Protein backbone atom coordinates (compact mmCIF):
# COMPACT_ATOMS: atom_id res chain seq x y z
CA UNK A 1 25.67 -6.73 -6.52
CA UNK A 2 24.87 -3.10 -7.82
CA UNK A 3 22.03 -1.76 -7.00
CA UNK A 4 21.39 0.53 -10.08
CA UNK A 5 23.78 0.76 -13.37
CA UNK A 6 22.97 3.43 -15.95
CA UNK A 7 23.35 1.35 -19.72
CA UNK A 8 23.03 4.59 -21.94
CA UNK A 9 22.73 8.05 -22.20
CA UNK A 10 20.78 9.35 -25.06
CA UNK A 11 22.84 11.88 -26.74
CA UNK A 12 20.23 14.61 -27.30
CA UNK A 13 18.46 14.54 -24.10
CA UNK A 14 18.38 13.49 -20.05
CA UNK A 15 16.74 9.83 -21.27
CA UNK A 16 18.88 7.17 -20.03
CA UNK A 17 18.70 3.11 -19.77
CA UNK A 18 19.39 1.11 -16.87
CA UNK A 19 19.49 -1.92 -14.64
CA UNK A 20 18.24 -2.29 -11.34
CA UNK A 21 18.99 -5.48 -9.43
CA UNK A 22 17.00 -6.85 -6.95
CA UNK A 23 16.94 -10.13 -5.05
CA UNK A 24 13.65 -10.90 -7.06
CA UNK A 25 14.87 -10.39 -10.48
CA UNK A 26 16.35 -7.24 -12.76
CA UNK A 27 14.35 -3.93 -13.57
CA UNK A 28 15.53 -2.46 -17.02
CA UNK A 29 14.69 1.14 -16.63
CA UNK A 30 13.03 2.95 -17.76
CA UNK A 31 9.80 1.33 -16.92
CA UNK A 32 6.63 1.80 -15.78
CA UNK A 33 5.60 0.16 -13.14
CA UNK A 34 1.79 -1.14 -12.70
CA UNK A 35 0.18 -0.70 -9.81
CA UNK A 36 -1.19 -3.80 -7.42
CA UNK A 37 -2.43 -1.69 -4.54
CA UNK A 38 -4.12 -4.47 -2.59
CA UNK A 39 -1.84 -6.68 -3.58
CA UNK A 40 -3.57 -7.38 -7.11
CA UNK A 41 -2.88 -5.48 -10.25
CA UNK A 42 -7.07 -5.42 -10.62
CA UNK A 43 -8.73 -8.58 -12.86
CA UNK A 44 -5.42 -9.63 -14.16
CA UNK A 45 -3.47 -12.68 -12.83
CA UNK A 46 0.28 -13.46 -12.24
CA UNK A 47 -0.15 -14.98 -15.95
CA UNK A 48 -1.78 -11.83 -17.33
CA UNK A 49 1.29 -9.43 -15.89
CA UNK A 50 4.22 -12.18 -17.17
CA UNK A 51 2.41 -12.34 -20.44
CA UNK A 52 2.09 -8.35 -20.92
CA UNK A 53 5.82 -7.81 -19.77
CA UNK A 54 5.38 -6.11 -16.21
CA UNK A 55 8.94 -6.78 -14.39
CA UNK A 56 8.17 -4.88 -11.18
CA UNK A 57 4.45 -3.97 -9.39
CA UNK A 58 3.72 -1.96 -6.72
CA UNK A 59 1.56 -2.66 -3.47
CA UNK A 60 0.23 -0.17 -0.95
CA UNK A 61 1.75 0.16 2.82
CA UNK A 62 -1.58 2.14 4.10
CA UNK A 63 -4.06 -0.24 2.23
CA UNK A 64 -2.03 -3.60 3.46
CA UNK A 65 -1.66 -2.31 6.61
CA UNK A 66 -5.95 -2.23 7.41
CA UNK A 67 -5.76 -5.73 5.53
CA UNK A 68 -4.69 -8.39 5.60
CA UNK A 69 -2.38 -6.56 7.53
CA UNK A 70 1.66 -6.43 7.67
CA UNK A 71 1.68 -9.10 10.29
CA UNK A 72 -0.46 -12.06 7.86
CA UNK A 73 1.57 -10.99 4.79
CA UNK A 74 4.61 -11.32 7.25
CA UNK A 75 3.50 -15.32 8.17
CA UNK A 76 3.33 -15.98 4.78
CA UNK A 77 6.93 -14.88 4.13
CA UNK A 78 6.00 -11.62 2.08
CA UNK A 79 3.98 -10.48 0.17
CA UNK A 80 5.73 -12.18 -2.99
CA UNK A 81 5.18 -15.62 -1.31
CA UNK A 82 1.06 -14.06 -0.68
CA UNK A 83 0.22 -13.36 -3.31
CA UNK A 84 3.12 -16.04 -5.78
CA UNK A 85 4.49 -13.22 -7.43
CA UNK A 86 8.26 -13.84 -7.97
CA UNK A 87 9.76 -10.85 -9.51
CA UNK A 88 10.34 -7.26 -7.69
CA UNK A 89 7.72 -5.03 -5.64
CA UNK A 90 7.71 -1.50 -4.51
CA UNK A 91 5.63 -0.78 -1.84
CA UNK A 92 5.24 3.28 -1.44
CA UNK A 93 4.92 4.15 2.98
CA UNK A 94 1.25 4.67 2.98
CA UNK A 95 2.17 8.29 3.11
CA UNK A 96 0.05 9.78 0.54
CA UNK A 97 -3.01 7.87 1.19
CA UNK A 98 -2.72 8.89 5.26
CA UNK A 99 -3.02 12.29 4.34
CA UNK A 100 -5.03 12.64 1.64
CA UNK A 101 -7.93 11.98 4.44
CA UNK A 102 -6.89 14.82 5.83
CA UNK A 103 -7.13 18.63 4.13
CA UNK A 104 -4.37 20.63 4.76
CA UNK A 105 -4.88 24.01 3.07
CA UNK A 106 -4.61 25.15 6.11
CA UNK A 107 -1.14 26.21 7.22
CA UNK A 108 -1.55 24.32 10.62
CA UNK A 109 0.83 21.68 12.55
CA UNK A 110 -2.26 19.65 13.16
CA UNK A 111 -4.91 19.75 10.86
CA UNK A 112 -7.94 17.10 10.30
CA UNK A 113 -11.00 16.74 8.18
CA UNK A 114 -13.39 15.46 10.08
CA UNK A 115 -11.69 13.78 12.61
CA UNK A 116 -10.01 11.18 10.31
CA UNK A 117 -6.23 12.09 10.33
CA UNK A 118 -4.40 14.80 12.62
CA UNK A 119 -0.62 15.26 11.97
CA UNK A 120 2.42 15.85 14.73
CA UNK A 121 6.30 16.06 14.24
CA UNK A 122 6.14 12.28 15.15
CA UNK A 123 3.89 11.13 12.65
CA UNK A 124 0.23 10.93 12.02
CA UNK A 125 -3.09 9.60 13.95
CA UNK A 126 -5.78 8.45 10.96
CA UNK A 127 -8.80 6.91 11.20
CA UNK A 128 -9.70 3.97 9.06
CA UNK A 129 -11.94 4.36 5.50
CA UNK A 130 -13.02 0.30 6.47
CA UNK A 131 -14.30 0.63 9.78
CA UNK A 132 -13.00 3.72 11.48
CA UNK A 133 -10.66 2.46 13.41
CA UNK A 134 -7.62 4.34 14.97
CA UNK A 135 -4.20 3.85 13.46
CA UNK A 136 -0.99 5.50 14.01
CA UNK A 137 1.82 6.00 11.59
CA UNK A 138 5.57 7.32 12.33
CA UNK A 139 8.48 6.84 9.70
CA UNK A 140 9.72 3.97 12.11
CA UNK A 141 6.20 2.39 11.83
CA UNK A 142 5.90 3.38 8.15
CA UNK A 143 9.69 1.43 8.13
CA UNK A 144 8.79 -1.53 9.67
CA UNK A 145 5.42 -2.43 8.34
CA UNK A 146 7.37 -1.97 4.87
CA UNK A 147 10.33 -4.04 6.14
CA UNK A 148 6.98 -6.68 7.01
CA UNK A 149 5.15 -6.66 3.41
CA UNK A 150 8.90 -7.53 2.28
CA UNK A 151 8.59 -5.46 -1.25
CA UNK A 152 12.03 -5.28 -2.76
CA UNK A 153 11.76 -1.16 -3.10
CA UNK A 154 10.35 0.80 -0.05
CA UNK A 155 9.68 4.42 0.60
CA UNK A 156 10.35 6.97 2.94
CA UNK A 157 7.34 8.43 4.82
CA UNK A 158 6.65 12.08 3.78
CA UNK A 159 4.14 14.43 3.86
CA UNK A 160 2.61 15.14 0.36
CA UNK A 161 1.27 18.72 0.76
CA UNK A 162 -1.28 20.04 -1.69
CA UNK A 163 -0.42 22.54 -4.80
CA UNK A 164 -2.55 24.81 -2.79
CA UNK A 165 -1.04 24.55 0.31
CA UNK A 166 0.61 28.34 1.32
CA UNK A 167 4.33 28.46 1.53
CA UNK A 168 4.48 28.41 5.11
CA UNK A 169 2.74 25.09 5.97
CA UNK A 170 4.60 23.97 2.68
CA UNK A 171 7.98 24.83 4.32
CA UNK A 172 6.72 23.43 7.59
CA UNK A 173 5.77 19.77 6.11
CA UNK A 174 8.81 20.03 4.27
CA UNK A 175 11.21 20.62 7.08
CA UNK A 176 8.90 17.50 8.92
CA UNK A 177 9.71 15.08 5.96
CA UNK A 178 13.68 16.00 5.58
CA UNK A 179 13.78 15.17 8.87
CA UNK A 180 11.29 11.86 8.33
CA UNK A 181 13.65 10.59 6.24
CA UNK A 182 16.20 10.59 8.59
CA UNK A 183 14.51 8.72 10.61
CA UNK A 184 13.09 6.46 8.13
CA UNK A 185 17.23 5.67 6.96
CA UNK A 186 17.54 5.32 11.35
CA UNK A 187 15.13 2.27 10.82
CA UNK A 188 16.25 0.87 8.04
CA UNK A 189 19.32 0.17 8.52
CA UNK A 190 18.50 -2.11 11.37
CA UNK A 191 17.46 -4.36 9.14
CA UNK A 192 17.56 -4.15 5.71
CA UNK A 193 17.23 -7.82 5.26
CA UNK A 194 13.95 -9.05 7.47
CA UNK A 195 12.84 -11.80 4.68
CA UNK A 196 16.12 -12.80 3.83
CA UNK A 197 16.54 -10.42 0.70
CA UNK A 198 17.51 -7.30 0.35
CA UNK A 199 15.27 -4.21 0.57
CA UNK A 200 16.41 -0.89 -0.70
CA UNK A 201 15.41 2.55 0.56
CA UNK A 202 13.91 5.57 -1.51
CA UNK A 203 14.10 9.38 -0.04
CA UNK A 204 10.92 11.48 -1.74
CA UNK A 205 11.60 14.65 -2.65
CA UNK A 206 8.83 17.54 -1.66
CA UNK A 207 7.86 21.57 -1.88
CA UNK A 208 5.26 21.44 -4.05
CA UNK A 209 5.12 23.98 -6.36
CA UNK A 210 7.85 26.40 -5.04
CA UNK A 211 11.10 26.51 -7.30
CA UNK A 212 13.34 27.02 -4.63
CA UNK A 213 12.09 24.89 -1.51
CA UNK A 214 11.92 21.76 -4.52
CA UNK A 215 16.00 22.45 -5.39
CA UNK A 216 16.12 22.88 -1.15
CA UNK A 217 14.35 19.27 -0.59
CA UNK A 218 16.09 18.21 -3.66
CA UNK A 219 19.86 18.62 -2.44
CA UNK A 220 18.57 17.96 1.70
CA UNK A 221 17.59 14.09 0.86
CA UNK A 222 20.36 13.30 -2.08
CA UNK A 223 22.88 14.16 0.73
CA UNK A 224 21.26 10.99 2.63
CA UNK A 225 21.80 7.77 2.60
CA UNK A 226 19.30 6.77 0.05
CA UNK A 227 19.31 3.89 -3.00
CA UNK A 228 16.74 5.59 -4.70
CA UNK A 229 15.31 9.38 -5.28
CA UNK A 230 11.47 9.79 -5.46
CA UNK A 231 9.81 13.13 -6.66
CA UNK A 232 6.64 13.51 -4.66
CA UNK A 233 3.82 15.79 -4.25
CA UNK A 234 0.57 16.13 -5.36
CA UNK A 235 1.21 17.70 -8.59
CA UNK A 236 3.54 15.38 -9.78
CA UNK A 237 1.63 13.24 -12.28
CA UNK A 238 -1.50 14.80 -11.81
CA UNK A 239 -0.99 18.26 -13.58
CA UNK A 240 1.83 17.43 -16.19
CA UNK A 241 3.09 20.83 -16.60
CA UNK A 242 4.22 21.41 -13.10
CA UNK A 243 5.68 18.04 -13.18
CA UNK A 244 8.17 19.25 -16.11
CA UNK A 245 8.96 21.92 -14.53
CA UNK A 246 9.92 20.19 -11.35
CA UNK A 247 11.85 17.81 -12.50
CA UNK A 248 13.33 21.03 -14.70
CA UNK A 249 14.49 22.35 -11.42
CA UNK A 250 15.94 19.17 -9.81
CA UNK A 251 17.46 17.02 -12.28
CA UNK A 252 21.14 18.81 -12.15
CA UNK A 253 20.31 18.19 -8.27
CA UNK A 254 20.07 14.61 -7.99
CA UNK A 255 22.61 11.90 -8.08
CA UNK A 256 22.95 10.67 -11.16
CA UNK A 257 23.92 7.65 -10.19
CA UNK A 258 20.50 6.59 -8.24
CA UNK A 259 17.29 5.71 -9.91
CA UNK A 260 14.97 8.86 -10.57
CA UNK A 261 11.37 7.89 -9.60
CA UNK A 262 8.66 10.04 -10.38
CA UNK A 263 5.61 9.03 -8.41
CA UNK A 264 1.74 8.48 -9.96
CA UNK A 265 3.01 9.64 -13.73
CA UNK A 266 0.96 7.81 -16.53
CA UNK A 267 -2.73 9.06 -17.12
CA UNK A 268 -1.51 10.04 -20.83
CA UNK A 269 1.26 7.92 -23.18
CA UNK A 270 2.42 11.44 -23.83
CA UNK A 271 3.16 11.81 -20.09
CA UNK A 272 5.69 8.93 -20.41
CA UNK A 273 7.82 10.36 -22.54
CA UNK A 274 7.96 13.60 -21.08
CA UNK A 275 9.57 12.35 -17.73
CA UNK A 276 11.93 9.99 -19.95
CA UNK A 277 13.23 12.76 -21.63
CA UNK A 278 14.06 14.38 -18.20
CA UNK A 279 15.74 10.97 -17.24
CA UNK A 280 13.56 9.10 -14.74
CA UNK A 281 13.91 5.66 -14.67
CA UNK A 282 10.70 4.61 -12.86
CA UNK A 283 7.46 5.77 -12.42
CA UNK A 284 3.71 4.31 -11.93
CA UNK A 285 -0.45 5.68 -12.28
CA UNK A 286 -3.60 3.25 -11.11
CA UNK A 287 -4.52 5.43 -14.43
CA UNK A 288 -3.99 2.20 -17.10
CA UNK A 289 -6.07 -0.21 -15.46
CA UNK A 290 -8.41 2.57 -14.02
CA UNK A 291 -9.62 4.14 -16.84
CA UNK A 292 -9.82 0.58 -18.83
CA UNK A 293 -12.23 -0.44 -16.21
CA UNK A 294 -14.44 2.37 -18.34
CA UNK A 295 -14.17 1.49 -21.40
CA UNK A 296 -11.44 4.01 -22.10
CA UNK A 297 -8.66 2.12 -24.28
CA UNK A 298 -5.13 3.86 -25.39
CA UNK A 299 -4.20 3.91 -29.43
CA UNK A 300 -2.08 4.65 -31.75
CA UNK A 301 -2.18 8.57 -32.48
CA UNK A 302 -3.81 6.90 -36.28
CA UNK A 303 -6.11 6.01 -35.05
CA UNK A 304 -7.70 8.78 -32.37
CA UNK A 305 -5.38 11.81 -32.13
CA UNK A 306 -6.15 11.48 -28.40
CA UNK A 307 -4.79 8.31 -28.32
CA UNK A 308 -7.90 6.72 -26.92
CA UNK A 309 -10.98 5.03 -27.54
CA UNK A 310 -13.85 4.91 -25.82
CA UNK A 311 -15.41 1.49 -26.26
CA UNK A 312 -18.71 1.71 -24.76
CA UNK A 313 -19.87 4.19 -27.80
CA UNK A 314 -21.96 3.13 -30.14
CA UNK A 315 -19.65 3.09 -33.48
CA UNK A 316 -18.23 0.16 -31.96
CA UNK A 317 -21.29 -2.06 -31.78
CA UNK A 318 -20.32 -4.22 -35.05
CA UNK A 319 -16.79 -3.00 -35.46
CA UNK A 320 -14.96 -6.27 -36.34
CA UNK A 321 -11.27 -4.41 -35.66
CA UNK A 322 -9.42 -5.23 -32.46
CA UNK A 323 -9.26 -2.17 -30.26
CA UNK A 324 -5.79 -1.49 -32.12
CA UNK A 325 -4.40 -3.11 -35.74
CA UNK A 326 -0.80 -2.33 -34.00
CA UNK A 327 -1.08 -3.84 -30.59
CA UNK A 328 0.34 -7.13 -29.82
CA UNK A 329 -1.85 -7.71 -26.61
CA UNK A 330 -3.93 -10.76 -25.98
CA UNK A 331 -6.59 -8.66 -26.03
CA UNK A 332 -6.32 -6.98 -29.85
CA UNK A 333 -4.96 -10.60 -31.00
CA UNK A 334 -8.04 -12.54 -30.41
CA UNK A 335 -10.91 -9.96 -30.04
CA UNK A 336 -12.75 -7.21 -31.47
CA UNK A 337 -14.00 -4.40 -30.45
CA UNK A 338 -17.66 -5.53 -31.11
CA UNK A 339 -17.67 -8.42 -28.16
CA UNK A 340 -15.42 -5.30 -26.34
CA UNK A 341 -18.39 -2.96 -26.84
CA UNK A 342 -20.61 -5.97 -25.95
CA UNK A 343 -18.67 -6.99 -22.54
CA UNK A 344 -18.82 -3.71 -21.48
CA UNK A 345 -22.70 -2.92 -22.24
CA UNK A 346 -23.24 -6.42 -20.65
CA UNK A 347 -21.47 -5.48 -17.69
CA UNK A 348 -19.73 -8.74 -17.99
CA UNK A 349 -16.22 -8.80 -15.84
CA UNK A 350 -14.32 -9.99 -18.83
CA UNK A 351 -14.57 -6.55 -20.20
CA UNK A 352 -12.49 -5.53 -17.32
CA UNK A 353 -9.74 -7.63 -17.69
CA UNK A 354 -9.77 -7.90 -21.10
CA UNK A 355 -9.44 -3.45 -20.87
CA UNK A 356 -6.38 -3.87 -18.62
CA UNK A 357 -4.42 -6.42 -20.20
CA UNK A 358 -4.91 -4.05 -24.00
CA UNK A 359 -3.92 -0.88 -21.52
CA UNK A 360 -0.83 -2.19 -19.91
CA UNK A 361 0.59 -3.93 -22.64
CA UNK A 362 -0.15 -0.59 -24.78
CA UNK A 363 2.18 1.19 -21.77
CA UNK A 364 4.75 -1.91 -21.35
CA UNK A 365 5.28 -2.15 -25.24
CA UNK A 366 6.29 1.94 -25.25
CA UNK A 367 8.48 1.84 -22.55
CA UNK A 368 10.38 -1.45 -24.52
CA UNK A 369 10.12 1.04 -27.79
CA UNK A 370 11.37 4.27 -25.82
CA UNK A 371 14.52 1.97 -23.98
CA UNK A 372 15.52 0.51 -27.68
CA UNK A 373 15.65 4.13 -29.12
CA UNK A 374 16.86 5.71 -26.26
CA UNK A 375 20.44 2.95 -27.03
CA UNK A 376 20.57 3.77 -30.68
CA UNK A 377 20.32 7.26 -29.55
CA UNK A 378 16.74 7.86 -31.61
CA UNK A 379 14.49 9.12 -28.59
CA UNK A 380 13.48 12.18 -29.63
CA UNK A 381 12.64 10.33 -32.78
CA UNK A 382 10.46 7.87 -31.43
CA UNK A 383 8.73 10.69 -29.34
CA UNK A 384 8.09 12.78 -32.27
CA UNK A 385 6.83 9.39 -34.33
CA UNK A 386 4.34 8.21 -31.54
CA UNK A 387 2.69 11.92 -30.21
CA UNK A 388 2.91 14.05 -33.58
């Protein structure tokens, strides 16, 4: 079984379609991956996720390690069985969450923020945000935790440097990331089928917003024996101008025959087009469900040039229209804006579910359209049609 296969390349951009083969199913790329941090995409059931067309979801190693713990998940036979999700799962290494506990603005080998985290060349010691208990992540431990969790795609443990880290610290963090990547590969190869099915390991490119460091990191990580290549760092997804620059720097360096993954992309519909245009196959973001719970609902530009409405605005109090007349999601097919407005104002939990269904369906439907457009070499035409 070939893990990744390119099925078509757009003639007018770097956009491409492909297939990722896992033991829990095939993922058509490019694809947006809903985030299920704690073994749940907030407010949504398995049936909801299947209905909206989710091919793969993400879970978070840091949070699952703290609760319910990887050992408990392993006793259930892995995360698929624990949460009753039979499609592919990806877990991050926990690196981003661990490092976000501390402040890395100072160029030091060991940093701390209220003693929540300390970093050294061997790994990271941190205190739980839940109860203050002390934990230790090394590259080997991050891999072992992910083996027990049992995701189909797992990530190497890296040091996620913030955008404003100075050049000296960024270099040290990048070197550390490369050394940890080699250790992750070695540990992973000891047991690539912990639960009896194949797990695939991705490496992560770092280097903050420094072109020379990004290119160096892309070269080093690409030469290692990873199944896929991720582009990480604080900028990715958060700062789309920087994200586009970074992708332009590294795209020619990353192996074409491996899936490309930008971590944390998907705050706006436009973000999806920008990374796909640059050859990215996979991306994820908590934003669609997070903003949904605050009442921000995505719509086509004909409805609002910003491509979203705030359903809590009083103008929707008596509106009998669906959120978006062009949307085929359960929410739009069954409920009015007035009903959603009422649910949010009454603080009913159903508001979160219906809003989340809509936003994720909106993104996943865009991805379906994008895949079809790429196959027909009209990706840029679709981009102009959707974004204007």
